[in-house]
């Protein structure tokens, strides 16, 4: 689980950098597609939540307790809600919401099933 948390944290940070970059370029500036401020702002918010969750996964990867998993679970559930709400403005946000929910719920359930201490 330790290596998986580390790799997932790094991938979340990379996805967050892409989300923030795409939110600025496409949503706010309108360089790649038609300008949509709501979509751009939601992508930046989702990217910020992914950065926070990625940092928590990297920092807490060796911790046997569930504090980091609970924090990331809450962050990624909020991110899933933001992505699903933003799906009306940009269909790619639904994909990011599904990724957020799978990672957040998956790690929480996995850690809970293997029975490590709380």
Protein backbone atom coordinates (compact mmCIF):
# COMPACT_ATOMS: atom_id res chain seq x y z
CA UNK A 1 0.00 0.00 0.00
CA UNK A 2 2.92 2.30 0.68
CA UNK A 3 4.22 2.34 -2.91
CA UNK A 4 0.69 2.68 -4.27
CA UNK A 5 0.06 5.75 -2.14
CA UNK A 6 3.32 7.31 -3.27
CA UNK A 7 2.64 6.67 -6.97
CA UNK A 8 -0.97 7.84 -6.66
CA UNK A 9 0.15 11.02 -4.90
CA UNK A 10 2.60 11.80 -7.69
CA UNK A 11 -0.02 11.08 -10.37
CA UNK A 12 -2.58 13.27 -8.60
CA UNK A 13 -0.11 16.15 -8.51
CA UNK A 14 0.66 15.72 -12.22
CA UNK A 15 -3.06 15.61 -13.05
CA UNK A 16 -3.59 18.69 -10.89
CA UNK A 17 -0.91 20.61 -12.78
CA UNK A 18 -2.63 19.67 -16.04
CA UNK A 19 -6.04 20.69 -14.69
CA UNK A 20 -4.82 24.07 -13.50
CA UNK A 21 -2.99 24.71 -16.79
CA UNK A 22 -5.99 23.66 -18.87
CA UNK A 23 -8.37 25.65 -16.68
CA UNK A 24 -6.34 28.79 -17.23
CA UNK A 25 -5.72 28.27 -20.95
CA UNK A 26 -9.11 27.00 -22.02
CA UNK A 27 -11.55 28.16 -19.41
CA UNK A 28 -10.31 31.61 -18.47
CA UNK A 29 -8.28 32.75 -21.49
CA UNK A 30 -10.18 30.80 -24.15
CA UNK A 31 -7.06 29.87 -26.11
CA UNK A 32 -7.89 26.21 -26.91
CA UNK A 33 -11.66 26.29 -26.92
CA UNK A 34 -14.48 28.73 -26.47
CA UNK A 35 -14.09 30.68 -23.26
CA UNK A 36 -16.04 29.29 -20.30
CA UNK A 37 -15.18 30.96 -17.00
CA UNK A 38 -17.20 28.54 -14.86
CA UNK A 39 -15.46 25.52 -16.34
CA UNK A 40 -12.04 27.15 -15.92
CA UNK A 41 -12.65 28.05 -12.30
CA UNK A 42 -14.00 24.58 -11.49
CA UNK A 43 -10.95 22.98 -13.13
CA UNK A 44 -8.65 25.15 -11.02
CA UNK A 45 -10.60 24.26 -7.85
CA UNK A 46 -10.47 20.55 -8.75
CA UNK A 47 -6.75 20.85 -9.48
CA UNK A 48 -6.19 22.46 -6.08
CA UNK A 49 -8.04 19.61 -4.37
CA UNK A 50 -5.94 17.09 -6.31
CA UNK A 51 -2.73 18.86 -5.27
CA UNK A 52 -3.81 18.77 -1.62
CA UNK A 53 -4.76 15.08 -1.80
CA UNK A 54 -1.53 14.19 -3.63
CA UNK A 55 0.60 15.95 -1.04
CA UNK A 56 -1.26 14.21 1.79
CA UNK A 57 -0.79 10.81 0.12
CA UNK A 58 2.95 11.44 -0.34
CA UNK A 59 3.49 12.77 3.19
CA UNK A 60 1.38 10.10 4.91
CA UNK A 61 2.45 7.13 2.79
CA UNK A 62 4.37 5.44 5.61
CA UNK A 63 1.74 6.17 8.28
CA UNK A 64 -0.12 3.01 9.40
CA UNK A 65 -3.12 4.99 10.61
CA UNK A 66 -6.13 6.13 8.60
CA UNK A 67 -5.79 9.89 9.18
CA UNK A 68 -4.31 10.54 5.74
CA UNK A 69 -6.84 8.28 4.05
CA UNK A 70 -9.75 10.02 5.75
CA UNK A 71 -8.39 13.43 4.77
CA UNK A 72 -7.92 12.39 1.14
CA UNK A 73 -11.31 10.68 1.16
CA UNK A 74 -12.98 13.96 2.12
CA UNK A 75 -10.89 16.02 -0.33
CA UNK A 76 -11.56 13.66 -3.23
CA UNK A 77 -15.28 13.32 -2.46
CA UNK A 78 -15.51 17.13 -2.58
CA UNK A 79 -13.51 16.99 -5.83
CA UNK A 80 -15.93 14.43 -7.22
CA UNK A 81 -18.85 16.70 -6.39
CA UNK A 82 -17.14 19.67 -8.02
CA UNK A 83 -16.39 17.59 -11.12
CA UNK A 84 -19.92 16.26 -11.41
CA UNK A 85 -21.37 19.75 -10.97
CA UNK A 86 -18.97 21.06 -13.62
CA UNK A 87 -19.95 18.30 -16.02
CA UNK A 88 -22.73 20.54 -17.28
CA UNK A 89 -20.13 23.02 -18.53
CA UNK A 90 -17.31 20.70 -19.61
CA UNK A 91 -17.76 16.97 -20.15
CA UNK A 92 -14.13 16.26 -19.25
CA UNK A 93 -14.85 17.28 -15.67
CA UNK A 94 -17.05 14.18 -15.34
CA UNK A 95 -14.00 12.02 -16.13
CA UNK A 96 -11.95 13.85 -13.51
CA UNK A 97 -14.82 13.44 -11.02
CA UNK A 98 -14.92 9.68 -11.62
CA UNK A 99 -11.13 9.44 -11.18
CA UNK A 100 -11.44 11.43 -7.95
CA UNK A 101 -14.21 9.22 -6.57
CA UNK A 102 -12.48 5.97 -7.52
CA UNK A 103 -9.21 6.98 -5.87
CA UNK A 104 -10.81 8.49 -2.76
CA UNK A 105 -13.28 5.70 -2.07
CA UNK A 106 -10.88 2.99 -3.23
CA UNK A 107 -8.06 3.84 -0.85
CA UNK A 108 -10.41 4.40 2.06
CA UNK A 109 -12.15 1.04 1.57
CA UNK A 110 -8.87 -0.77 0.87
CA UNK A 111 -7.28 0.58 4.04
CA UNK A 112 -10.41 -0.23 6.03
CA UNK A 113 -10.59 -3.81 4.68
CA UNK A 114 -6.99 -4.71 5.46
CA UNK A 115 -7.76 -3.67 9.03
CA UNK A 116 -4.96 -1.29 9.87
CA UNK A 117 -5.33 0.81 13.00
CA UNK A 118 -7.38 3.98 13.01
